[in-house]
Amino acid sequence: MNTYEELTEIVKHLDERFPDGCEIFQRVSRLAEETGELAQMVNHMEGMGIKHEKYGMPDKEKLAKEVQDVMRAALGIAKHYEIEDLLEQSIHAAYKKSQKKV
């Protein structure tokens, strides 16, 4: 199973576990929230303001978790509109295009 398939399964299981959280505006709100948390982590990684004093040294594992949360939230939107296959095709096409430029 590849990373995309694993993320798809995570979204599926979360939707089953929390069926009341699957409305599109909830998904978009979740994406906005997760994006904000990722931005906060990037600020921490870059030492913006007093982040290091307030939170200590940044943690790359936490950064990876925030990136994953954003990806999962975005994939939930794709699931809502039933475009997972189109998303996968789009990713594959972008990958092939990027390989031609190398």
PDB file of N, CA and C in Angstrom:
ATOM      1  N   MET A   1       0.857  -1.176   0.000  1.00  0.00           N
ATOM      2  CA  MET A   1       0.000   0.000   0.000  1.00  0.00           C
ATOM      3  C   MET A   1       0.904   1.242   0.000  1.00  0.00           C
ATOM      4  N   ASN A   2       0.607   2.208  -0.885  1.00  0.00           N
ATOM      5  CA  ASN A   2       1.426   3.412  -0.932  1.00  0.00           C
ATOM      6  C   ASN A   2       0.862   4.491   0.002  1.00  0.00           C
ATOM      7  N   THR A   3       1.566   5.593   0.111  1.00  0.00           N
ATOM      8  CA  THR A   3       1.188   6.663   1.027  1.00  0.00           C
ATOM      9  C   THR A   3      -0.200   7.209   0.725  1.00  0.00           C
ATOM     10  N   TYR A   4      -0.510   7.415  -0.548  1.00  0.00           N
ATOM     11  CA  TYR A   4      -1.828   7.920  -0.932  1.00  0.00           C
ATOM     12  C   TYR A   4      -2.930   6.964  -0.479  1.00  0.00           C
ATOM     13  N   GLU A   5      -2.725   5.681  -0.711  1.00  0.00           N
ATOM     14  CA  GLU A   5      -3.716   4.682  -0.304  1.00  0.00           C
ATOM     15  C   GLU A   5      -3.866   4.644   1.220  1.00  0.00           C
ATOM     16  N   GLU A   6      -2.750   4.780   1.931  1.00  0.00           N
ATOM     17  CA  GLU A   6      -2.807   4.791   3.389  1.00  0.00           C
ATOM     18  C   GLU A   6      -3.588   6.004   3.897  1.00  0.00           C
ATOM     19  N   LEU A   7      -3.329   7.184   3.312  1.00  0.00           N
ATOM     20  CA  LEU A   7      -4.079   8.377   3.699  1.00  0.00           C
ATOM     21  C   LEU A   7      -5.563   8.215   3.402  1.00  0.00           C
ATOM     22  N   THR A   8      -5.876   7.626   2.256  1.00  0.00           N
ATOM     23  CA  THR A   8      -7.272   7.373   1.896  1.00  0.00           C
ATOM     24  C   THR A   8      -7.943   6.482   2.936  1.00  0.00           C
ATOM     25  N   GLU A   9      -7.252   5.460   3.381  1.00  0.00           N
ATOM     26  CA  GLU A   9      -7.791   4.558   4.407  1.00  0.00           C
ATOM     27  C   GLU A   9      -7.977   5.273   5.738  1.00  0.00           C
ATOM     28  N   ILE A  10      -7.032   6.136   6.096  1.00  0.00           N
ATOM     29  CA  ILE A  10      -7.154   6.904   7.338  1.00  0.00           C
ATOM     30  C   ILE A  10      -8.412   7.762   7.294  1.00  0.00           C
ATOM     31  N   VAL A  11      -8.622   8.470   6.166  1.00  0.00           N
ATOM     32  CA  VAL A  11      -9.814   9.316   6.020  1.00  0.00           C
ATOM     33  C   VAL A  11     -11.081   8.470   6.125  1.00  0.00           C
ATOM     34  N   LYS A  12     -11.082   7.325   5.465  1.00  0.00           N
ATOM     35  CA  LYS A  12     -12.242   6.428   5.504  1.00  0.00           C
ATOM     36  C   LYS A  12     -12.552   6.010   6.947  1.00  0.00           C
ATOM     37  N   HIS A  13     -11.545   5.607   7.685  1.00  0.00           N
ATOM     38  CA  HIS A  13     -11.752   5.156   9.061  1.00  0.00           C
ATOM     39  C   HIS A  13     -12.208   6.303   9.965  1.00  0.00           C
ATOM     40  N   LEU A  14     -11.636   7.498   9.759  1.00  0.00           N
ATOM     41  CA  LEU A  14     -12.070   8.643  10.559  1.00  0.00           C
ATOM     42  C   LEU A  14     -13.524   9.009  10.257  1.00  0.00           C
ATOM     43  N   ASP A  15     -13.904   8.928   8.981  1.00  0.00           N
ATOM     44  CA  ASP A  15     -15.293   9.210   8.613  1.00  0.00           C
ATOM     45  C   ASP A  15     -16.246   8.200   9.252  1.00  0.00           C
ATOM     46  N   GLU A  16     -15.827   6.949   9.330  1.00  0.00           N
ATOM     47  CA  GLU A  16     -16.655   5.927   9.968  1.00  0.00           C
ATOM     48  C   GLU A  16     -16.748   6.165  11.474  1.00  0.00           C
ATOM     49  N   ARG A  17     -15.648   6.588  12.047  1.00  0.00           N
ATOM     50  CA  ARG A  17     -15.604   6.818  13.492  1.00  0.00           C
ATOM     51  C   ARG A  17     -16.367   8.082  13.896  1.00  0.00           C
ATOM     52  N   PHE A  18     -16.301   9.109  13.045  1.00  0.00           N
ATOM     53  CA  PHE A  18     -16.946  10.390  13.334  1.00  0.00           C
ATOM     54  C   PHE A  18     -17.878  10.770  12.185  1.00  0.00           C
ATOM     55  N   PRO A  19     -18.982  10.054  12.006  1.00  0.00           N
ATOM     56  CA  PRO A  19     -19.862  10.295  10.863  1.00  0.00           C
ATOM     57  C   PRO A  19     -20.511  11.685  10.865  1.00  0.00           C
ATOM     58  N   ASP A  20     -20.598  12.327  12.018  1.00  0.00           N
ATOM     59  CA  ASP A  20     -21.203  13.653  12.082  1.00  0.00           C
ATOM     60  C   ASP A  20     -20.228  14.763  11.665  1.00  0.00           C
ATOM     61  N   GLY A  21     -18.997  14.410  11.350  1.00  0.00           N
ATOM     62  CA  GLY A  21     -17.996  15.417  10.986  1.00  0.00           C
ATOM     63  C   GLY A  21     -17.661  15.438   9.511  1.00  0.00           C
ATOM     64  N   CYS A  22     -18.566  14.921   8.681  1.00  0.00           N
ATOM     65  CA  CYS A  22     -18.254  14.740   7.261  1.00  0.00           C
ATOM     66  C   CYS A  22     -18.899  15.767   6.339  1.00  0.00           C
ATOM     67  N   GLU A  23     -19.599  16.735   6.887  1.00  0.00           N
ATOM     68  CA  GLU A  23     -20.201  17.762   6.037  1.00  0.00           C
ATOM     69  C   GLU A  23     -19.086  18.608   5.415  1.00  0.00           C
ATOM     70  N   ILE A  24     -19.331  19.118   4.218  1.00  0.00           N
ATOM     71  CA  ILE A  24     -18.273  19.806   3.482  1.00  0.00           C
ATOM     72  C   ILE A  24     -17.735  21.020   4.226  1.00  0.00           C
ATOM     73  N   PHE A  25     -18.588  21.802   4.861  1.00  0.00           N
ATOM     74  CA  PHE A  25     -18.085  22.981   5.563  1.00  0.00           C
ATOM     75  C   PHE A  25     -17.284  22.600   6.804  1.00  0.00           C
ATOM     76  N   GLN A  26     -17.597  21.466   7.397  1.00  0.00           N
ATOM     77  CA  GLN A  26     -16.768  20.962   8.491  1.00  0.00           C
ATOM     78  C   GLN A  26     -15.396  20.563   7.953  1.00  0.00           C
ATOM     79  N   ARG A  27     -15.390  19.940   6.790  1.00  0.00           N
ATOM     80  CA  ARG A  27     -14.116  19.531   6.183  1.00  0.00           C
ATOM     81  C   ARG A  27     -13.263  20.748   5.825  1.00  0.00           C
ATOM     82  N   VAL A  28     -13.886  21.771   5.251  1.00  0.00           N
ATOM     83  CA  VAL A  28     -13.141  22.974   4.884  1.00  0.00           C
ATOM     84  C   VAL A  28     -12.635  23.684   6.136  1.00  0.00           C
ATOM     85  N   SER A  29     -13.455  23.736   7.173  1.00  0.00           N
ATOM     86  CA  SER A  29     -13.023  24.341   8.435  1.00  0.00           C
ATOM     87  C   SER A  29     -11.847  23.573   9.021  1.00  0.00           C
ATOM     88  N   ARG A  30     -11.906  22.238   8.928  1.00  0.00           N
ATOM     89  CA  ARG A  30     -10.818  21.409   9.441  1.00  0.00           C
ATOM     90  C   ARG A  30      -9.538  21.684   8.651  1.00  0.00           C
ATOM     91  N   LEU A  31      -9.665  21.819   7.329  1.00  0.00           N
ATOM     92  CA  LEU A  31      -8.487  22.124   6.509  1.00  0.00           C
ATOM     93  C   LEU A  31      -7.895  23.472   6.907  1.00  0.00           C
ATOM     94  N   ALA A  32      -8.747  24.474   7.106  1.00  0.00           N
ATOM     95  CA  ALA A  32      -8.265  25.797   7.516  1.00  0.00           C
ATOM     96  C   ALA A  32      -7.559  25.723   8.873  1.00  0.00           C
ATOM     97  N   GLU A  33      -8.152  24.989   9.797  1.00  0.00           N
ATOM     98  CA  GLU A  33      -7.548  24.839  11.124  1.00  0.00           C
ATOM     99  C   GLU A  33      -6.192  24.147  11.025  1.00  0.00           C
ATOM    100  N   GLU A  34      -6.142  23.056  10.278  1.00  0.00           N
ATOM    101  CA  GLU A  34      -4.887  22.309  10.150  1.00  0.00           C
ATOM    102  C   GLU A  34      -3.822  23.133   9.426  1.00  0.00           C
ATOM    103  N   THR A  35      -4.239  23.929   8.441  1.00  0.00           N
ATOM    104  CA  THR A  35      -3.298  24.789   7.736  1.00  0.00           C
ATOM    105  C   THR A  35      -2.722  25.837   8.685  1.00  0.00           C
ATOM    106  N   GLY A  36      -3.573  26.376   9.555  1.00  0.00           N
ATOM    107  CA  GLY A  36      -3.103  27.325  10.559  1.00  0.00           C
ATOM    108  C   GLY A  36      -2.102  26.691  11.511  1.00  0.00           C
ATOM    109  N   GLU A  37      -2.356  25.460  11.911  1.00  0.00           N
ATOM    110  CA  GLU A  37      -1.420  24.760  12.797  1.00  0.00           C
ATOM    111  C   GLU A  37      -0.102  24.487  12.091  1.00  0.00           C
ATOM    112  N   LEU A  38      -0.164  24.179  10.795  1.00  0.00           N
ATOM    113  CA  LEU A  38       1.067  23.983  10.023  1.00  0.00           C
ATOM    114  C   LEU A  38       1.840  25.296   9.935  1.00  0.00           C
ATOM    115  N   ALA A  39       1.139  26.396   9.686  1.00  0.00           N
ATOM    116  CA  ALA A  39       1.800  27.702   9.620  1.00  0.00           C
ATOM    117  C   ALA A  39       2.468  28.032  10.956  1.00  0.00           C
ATOM    118  N   GLN A  40       1.793  27.731  12.047  1.00  0.00           N
ATOM    119  CA  GLN A  40       2.375  27.970  13.362  1.00  0.00           C
ATOM    120  C   GLN A  40       3.644  27.138  13.554  1.00  0.00           C
ATOM    121  N   MET A  41       3.615  25.890  13.093  1.00  0.00           N
ATOM    122  CA  MET A  41       4.789  25.030  13.225  1.00  0.00           C
ATOM    123  C   MET A  41       5.941  25.548  12.362  1.00  0.00           C
ATOM    124  N   VAL A  42       5.626  26.035  11.158  1.00  0.00           N
ATOM    125  CA  VAL A  42       6.680  26.605  10.298  1.00  0.00           C
ATOM    126  C   VAL A  42       7.290  27.824  10.980  1.00  0.00           C
ATOM    127  N   ASN A  43       6.450  28.679  11.568  1.00  0.00           N
ATOM    128  CA  ASN A  43       6.976  29.826  12.312  1.00  0.00           C
ATOM    129  C   ASN A  43       7.917  29.364  13.416  1.00  0.00           C
ATOM    130  N   HIS A  44       7.532  28.306  14.104  1.00  0.00           N
ATOM    131  CA  HIS A  44       8.369  27.757  15.173  1.00  0.00           C
ATOM    132  C   HIS A  44       9.676  27.220  14.594  1.00  0.00           C
ATOM    133  N   MET A  45       9.581  26.488  13.482  1.00  0.00           N
ATOM    134  CA  MET A  45      10.789  25.932  12.858  1.00  0.00           C
ATOM    135  C   MET A  45      11.757  27.048  12.448  1.00  0.00           C
ATOM    136  N   GLU A  46      11.201  28.170  11.992  1.00  0.00           N
ATOM    137  CA  GLU A  46      12.021  29.282  11.516  1.00  0.00           C
ATOM    138  C   GLU A  46      12.412  30.254  12.623  1.00  0.00           C
ATOM    139  N   GLY A  47      11.963  29.985  13.838  1.00  0.00           N
ATOM    140  CA  GLY A  47      12.351  30.817  14.973  1.00  0.00           C
ATOM    141  C   GLY A  47      11.716  32.197  14.957  1.00  0.00           C
ATOM    142  N   MET A  48      10.531  32.301  14.394  1.00  0.00           N
ATOM    143  CA  MET A  48       9.841  33.586  14.320  1.00  0.00           C
ATOM    144  C   MET A  48       9.385  34.012  15.717  1.00  0.00           C
ATOM    145  N   GLY A  49       9.553  35.291  16.013  1.00  0.00           N
ATOM    146  CA  GLY A  49       9.109  35.818  17.298  1.00  0.00           C
ATOM    147  C   GLY A  49       9.817  35.135  18.446  1.00  0.00           C
ATOM    148  N   ILE A  50       9.044  34.777  19.458  1.00  0.00           N
ATOM    149  CA  ILE A  50       9.625  34.156  20.663  1.00  0.00           C
ATOM    150  C   ILE A  50       9.286  32.663  20.734  1.00  0.00           C
ATOM    151  N   LYS A  51       9.064  32.049  19.570  1.00  0.00           N
ATOM    152  CA  LYS A  51       8.620  30.649  19.546  1.00  0.00           C
ATOM    153  C   LYS A  51       9.587  29.719  20.283  1.00  0.00           C
ATOM    154  N   HIS A  52      10.887  29.873  20.060  1.00  0.00           N
ATOM    155  CA  HIS A  52      11.839  28.970  20.709  1.00  0.00           C
ATOM    156  C   HIS A  52      11.826  29.170  22.224  1.00  0.00           C
ATOM    157  N   GLU A  53      11.721  30.434  22.650  1.00  0.00           N
ATOM    158  CA  GLU A  53      11.664  30.699  24.086  1.00  0.00           C
ATOM    159  C   GLU A  53      10.386  30.121  24.693  1.00  0.00           C
ATOM    160  N   LYS A  54       9.285  30.272  23.987  1.00  0.00           N
ATOM    161  CA  LYS A  54       7.989  29.861  24.515  1.00  0.00           C
ATOM    162  C   LYS A  54       7.780  28.353  24.441  1.00  0.00           C
ATOM    163  N   TYR A  55       8.197  27.734  23.309  1.00  0.00           N
ATOM    164  CA  TYR A  55       7.896  26.318  23.076  1.00  0.00           C
ATOM    165  C   TYR A  55       9.105  25.407  23.039  1.00  0.00           C
ATOM    166  N   GLY A  56      10.294  25.946  23.206  1.00  0.00           N
ATOM    167  CA  GLY A  56      11.496  25.129  23.115  1.00  0.00           C
ATOM    168  C   GLY A  56      11.909  24.945  21.660  1.00  0.00           C
ATOM    169  N   MET A  57      12.835  24.069  21.444  1.00  0.00           N
ATOM    170  CA  MET A  57      13.335  23.835  20.095  1.00  0.00           C
ATOM    171  C   MET A  57      12.269  23.106  19.269  1.00  0.00           C
ATOM    172  N   PRO A  58      12.204  23.411  17.969  1.00  0.00           N
ATOM    173  CA  PRO A  58      11.196  22.776  17.119  1.00  0.00           C
ATOM    174  C   PRO A  58      11.437  21.279  16.968  1.00  0.00           C
ATOM    175  N   ASP A  59      10.360  20.581  16.682  1.00  0.00           N
ATOM    176  CA  ASP A  59      10.380  19.127  16.565  1.00  0.00           C
ATOM    177  C   ASP A  59       9.935  18.745  15.156  1.00  0.00           C
ATOM    178  N   LYS A  60      10.826  18.127  14.385  1.00  0.00           N
ATOM    179  CA  LYS A  60      10.515  17.762  13.007  1.00  0.00           C
ATOM    180  C   LYS A  60       9.399  16.717  12.924  1.00  0.00           C
ATOM    181  N   GLU A  61       9.278  15.870  13.923  1.00  0.00           N
ATOM    182  CA  GLU A  61       8.187  14.890  13.928  1.00  0.00           C
ATOM    183  C   GLU A  61       6.839  15.590  14.045  1.00  0.00           C
ATOM    184  N   LYS A  62       6.772  16.652  14.850  1.00  0.00           N
ATOM    185  CA  LYS A  62       5.534  17.424  14.968  1.00  0.00           C
ATOM    186  C   LYS A  62       5.231  18.136  13.650  1.00  0.00           C
ATOM    187  N   LEU A  63       6.262  18.637  12.990  1.00  0.00           N
ATOM    188  CA  LEU A  63       6.072  19.275  11.680  1.00  0.00           C
ATOM    189  C   LEU A  63       5.506  18.267  10.682  1.00  0.00           C
ATOM    190  N   ALA A  64       6.076  17.070  10.647  1.00  0.00           N
ATOM    191  CA  ALA A  64       5.588  16.024   9.745  1.00  0.00           C
ATOM    192  C   ALA A  64       4.130  15.691  10.044  1.00  0.00           C
ATOM    193  N   LYS A  65       3.764  15.639  11.318  1.00  0.00           N
ATOM    194  CA  LYS A  65       2.382  15.353  11.711  1.00  0.00           C
ATOM    195  C   LYS A  65       1.445  16.449  11.214  1.00  0.00           C
ATOM    196  N   GLU A  66       1.857  17.710  11.302  1.00  0.00           N
ATOM    197  CA  GLU A  66       1.016  18.813  10.835  1.00  0.00           C
ATOM    198  C   GLU A  66       0.847  18.771   9.316  1.00  0.00           C
ATOM    199  N   VAL A  67       1.904  18.432   8.590  1.00  0.00           N
ATOM    200  CA  VAL A  67       1.795  18.295   7.132  1.00  0.00           C
ATOM    201  C   VAL A  67       0.813  17.169   6.808  1.00  0.00           C
ATOM    202  N   GLN A  68       0.928  16.058   7.516  1.00  0.00           N
ATOM    203  CA  GLN A  68       0.020  14.931   7.298  1.00  0.00           C
ATOM    204  C   GLN A  68      -1.426  15.319   7.596  1.00  0.00           C
ATOM    205  N   ASP A  69      -1.642  16.109   8.639  1.00  0.00           N
ATOM    206  CA  ASP A  69      -2.998  16.546   8.976  1.00  0.00           C
ATOM    207  C   ASP A  69      -3.603  17.375   7.842  1.00  0.00           C
ATOM    208  N   VAL A  70      -2.803  18.259   7.241  1.00  0.00           N
ATOM    209  CA  VAL A  70      -3.288  19.075   6.127  1.00  0.00           C
ATOM    210  C   VAL A  70      -3.620  18.179   4.933  1.00  0.00           C
ATOM    211  N   MET A  71      -2.744  17.243   4.635  1.00  0.00           N
ATOM    212  CA  MET A  71      -2.984  16.332   3.513  1.00  0.00           C
ATOM    213  C   MET A  71      -4.251  15.514   3.734  1.00  0.00           C
ATOM    214  N   ARG A  72      -4.430  15.041   4.953  1.00  0.00           N
ATOM    215  CA  ARG A  72      -5.608  14.234   5.284  1.00  0.00           C
ATOM    216  C   ARG A  72      -6.882  15.067   5.173  1.00  0.00           C
ATOM    217  N   ALA A  73      -6.842  16.303   5.637  1.00  0.00           N
ATOM    218  CA  ALA A  73      -8.020  17.169   5.551  1.00  0.00           C
ATOM    219  C   ALA A  73      -8.366  17.468   4.094  1.00  0.00           C
ATOM    220  N   ALA A  74      -7.349  17.717   3.269  1.00  0.00           N
ATOM    221  CA  ALA A  74      -7.593  17.980   1.848  1.00  0.00           C
ATOM    222  C   ALA A  74      -8.149  16.735   1.160  1.00  0.00           C
ATOM    223  N   LEU A  75      -7.636  15.587   1.518  1.00  0.00           N
ATOM    224  CA  LEU A  75      -8.133  14.342   0.939  1.00  0.00           C
ATOM    225  C   LEU A  75      -9.578  14.085   1.350  1.00  0.00           C
ATOM    226  N   GLY A  76      -9.954  14.517   2.540  1.00  0.00           N
ATOM    227  CA  GLY A  76     -11.338  14.396   2.977  1.00  0.00           C
ATOM    228  C   GLY A  76     -12.275  15.203   2.083  1.00  0.00           C
ATOM    229  N   ILE A  77     -11.817  16.348   1.602  1.00  0.00           N
ATOM    230  CA  ILE A  77     -12.622  17.156   0.675  1.00  0.00           C
ATOM    231  C   ILE A  77     -12.755  16.417  -0.651  1.00  0.00           C
ATOM    232  N   ALA A  78     -11.658  15.838  -1.125  1.00  0.00           N
ATOM    233  CA  ALA A  78     -11.723  15.044  -2.360  1.00  0.00           C
ATOM    234  C   ALA A  78     -12.707  13.886  -2.192  1.00  0.00           C
ATOM    235  N   LYS A  79     -12.692  13.261  -1.030  1.00  0.00           N
ATOM    236  CA  LYS A  79     -13.614  12.141  -0.758  1.00  0.00           C
ATOM    237  C   LYS A  79     -15.059  12.625  -0.779  1.00  0.00           C
ATOM    238  N   HIS A  80     -15.301  13.787  -0.202  1.00  0.00           N
ATOM    239  CA  HIS A  80     -16.662  14.327  -0.163  1.00  0.00           C
ATOM    240  C   HIS A  80     -17.230  14.470  -1.575  1.00  0.00           C
ATOM    241  N   TYR A  81     -16.404  14.940  -2.500  1.00  0.00           N
ATOM    242  CA  TYR A  81     -16.856  15.141  -3.878  1.00  0.00           C
ATOM    243  C   TYR A  81     -16.610  13.924  -4.766  1.00  0.00           C
ATOM    244  N   GLU A  82     -16.159  12.836  -4.144  1.00  0.00           N
ATOM    245  CA  GLU A  82     -15.921  11.564  -4.839  1.00  0.00           C
ATOM    246  C   GLU A  82     -14.984  11.726  -6.040  1.00  0.00           C
ATOM    247  N   ILE A  83     -13.867  12.416  -5.801  1.00  0.00           N
ATOM    248  CA  ILE A  83     -12.885  12.627  -6.870  1.00  0.00           C
ATOM    249  C   ILE A  83     -11.534  11.999  -6.528  1.00  0.00           C
ATOM    250  N   GLU A  84     -11.544  11.008  -5.649  1.00  0.00           N
ATOM    251  CA  GLU A  84     -10.275  10.389  -5.253  1.00  0.00           C
ATOM    252  C   GLU A  84      -9.518   9.831  -6.455  1.00  0.00           C
ATOM    253  N   ASP A  85     -10.242   9.168  -7.373  1.00  0.00           N
ATOM    254  CA  ASP A  85      -9.583   8.607  -8.557  1.00  0.00           C
ATOM    255  C   ASP A  85      -9.016   9.724  -9.436  1.00  0.00           C
ATOM    256  N   LEU A  86      -9.783  10.801  -9.588  1.00  0.00           N
ATOM    257  CA  LEU A  86      -9.297  11.939 -10.381  1.00  0.00           C
ATOM    258  C   LEU A  86      -8.084  12.590  -9.720  1.00  0.00           C
ATOM    259  N   LEU A  87      -8.097  12.672  -8.408  1.00  0.00           N
ATOM    260  CA  LEU A  87      -6.958  13.221  -7.681  1.00  0.00           C
ATOM    261  C   LEU A  87      -5.726  12.356  -7.901  1.00  0.00           C
ATOM    262  N   GLU A  88      -5.908  11.057  -7.787  1.00  0.00           N
ATOM    263  CA  GLU A  88      -4.786  10.142  -7.996  1.00  0.00           C
ATOM    264  C   GLU A  88      -4.251  10.273  -9.420  1.00  0.00           C
ATOM    265  N   GLN A  89      -5.145  10.377 -10.405  1.00  0.00           N
ATOM    266  CA  GLN A  89      -4.723  10.573 -11.799  1.00  0.00           C
ATOM    267  C   GLN A  89      -3.981  11.896 -11.960  1.00  0.00           C
ATOM    268  N   SER A  90      -4.469  12.937 -11.310  1.00  0.00           N
ATOM    269  CA  SER A  90      -3.830  14.246 -11.383  1.00  0.00           C
ATOM    270  C   SER A  90      -2.427  14.202 -10.784  1.00  0.00           C
ATOM    271  N   ILE A  91      -2.284  13.521  -9.669  1.00  0.00           N
ATOM    272  CA  ILE A  91      -0.968  13.367  -9.035  1.00  0.00           C
ATOM    273  C   ILE A  91      -0.036  12.606  -9.963  1.00  0.00           C
ATOM    274  N   HIS A  92      -0.541  11.519 -10.543  1.00  0.00           N
ATOM    275  CA  HIS A  92       0.270  10.707 -11.456  1.00  0.00           C
ATOM    276  C   HIS A  92       0.697  11.531 -12.679  1.00  0.00           C
ATOM    277  N   ALA A  93      -0.226  12.307 -13.252  1.00  0.00           N
ATOM    278  CA  ALA A  93       0.091  13.133 -14.417  1.00  0.00           C
ATOM    279  C   ALA A  93       1.141  14.194 -14.069  1.00  0.00           C
ATOM    280  N   ALA A  94       0.997  14.814 -12.900  1.00  0.00           N
ATOM    281  CA  ALA A  94       1.979  15.814 -12.474  1.00  0.00           C
ATOM    282  C   ALA A  94       3.347  15.178 -12.254  1.00  0.00           C
ATOM    283  N   TYR A  95       3.356  13.968 -11.715  1.00  0.00           N
ATOM    284  CA  TYR A  95       4.613  13.252 -11.509  1.00  0.00           C
ATOM    285  C   TYR A  95       5.287  12.966 -12.852  1.00  0.00           C
ATOM    286  N   LYS A  96       4.508  12.443 -13.800  1.00  0.00           N
ATOM    287  CA  LYS A  96       5.068  12.138 -15.124  1.00  0.00           C
ATOM    288  C   LYS A  96       5.613  13.406 -15.785  1.00  0.00           C
ATOM    289  N   LYS A  97       4.882  14.484 -15.675  1.00  0.00           N
ATOM    290  CA  LYS A  97       5.317  15.758 -16.266  1.00  0.00           C
ATOM    291  C   LYS A  97       6.607  16.240 -15.616  1.00  0.00           C
ATOM    292  N   SER A  98       6.699  16.096 -14.306  1.00  0.00           N
ATOM    293  CA  SER A  98       7.912  16.551 -13.605  1.00  0.00           C
ATOM    294  C   SER A  98       9.123  15.715 -14.003  1.00  0.00           C
ATOM    295  N   GLN A  99       8.908  14.442 -14.326  1.00  0.00           N
ATOM    296  CA  GLN A  99      10.009  13.560 -14.719  1.00  0.00           C
ATOM    297  C   GLN A  99      10.546  13.925 -16.088  1.00  0.00           C
ATOM    298  N   LYS A 100       9.702  14.454 -16.954  1.00  0.00           N
ATOM    299  CA  LYS A 100      10.133  14.864 -18.295  1.00  0.00           C
ATOM    300  C   LYS A 100      11.035  16.074 -18.240  1.00  0.00           C
ATOM    301  N   LYS A 101      10.919  16.881 -17.204  1.00  0.00           N
ATOM    302  CA  LYS A 101      11.698  18.114 -17.077  1.00  0.00           C
ATOM    303  C   LYS A 101      13.038  17.879 -16.417  1.00  0.00           C
ATOM    304  N   VAL A 102      13.278  16.677 -15.942  1.00  0.00           N
ATOM    305  CA  VAL A 102      14.544  16.369 -15.251  1.00  0.00           C
ATOM    306  C   VAL A 102      15.638  16.081 -16.241  1.00  0.00           C
TER     307      VAL A 102
END
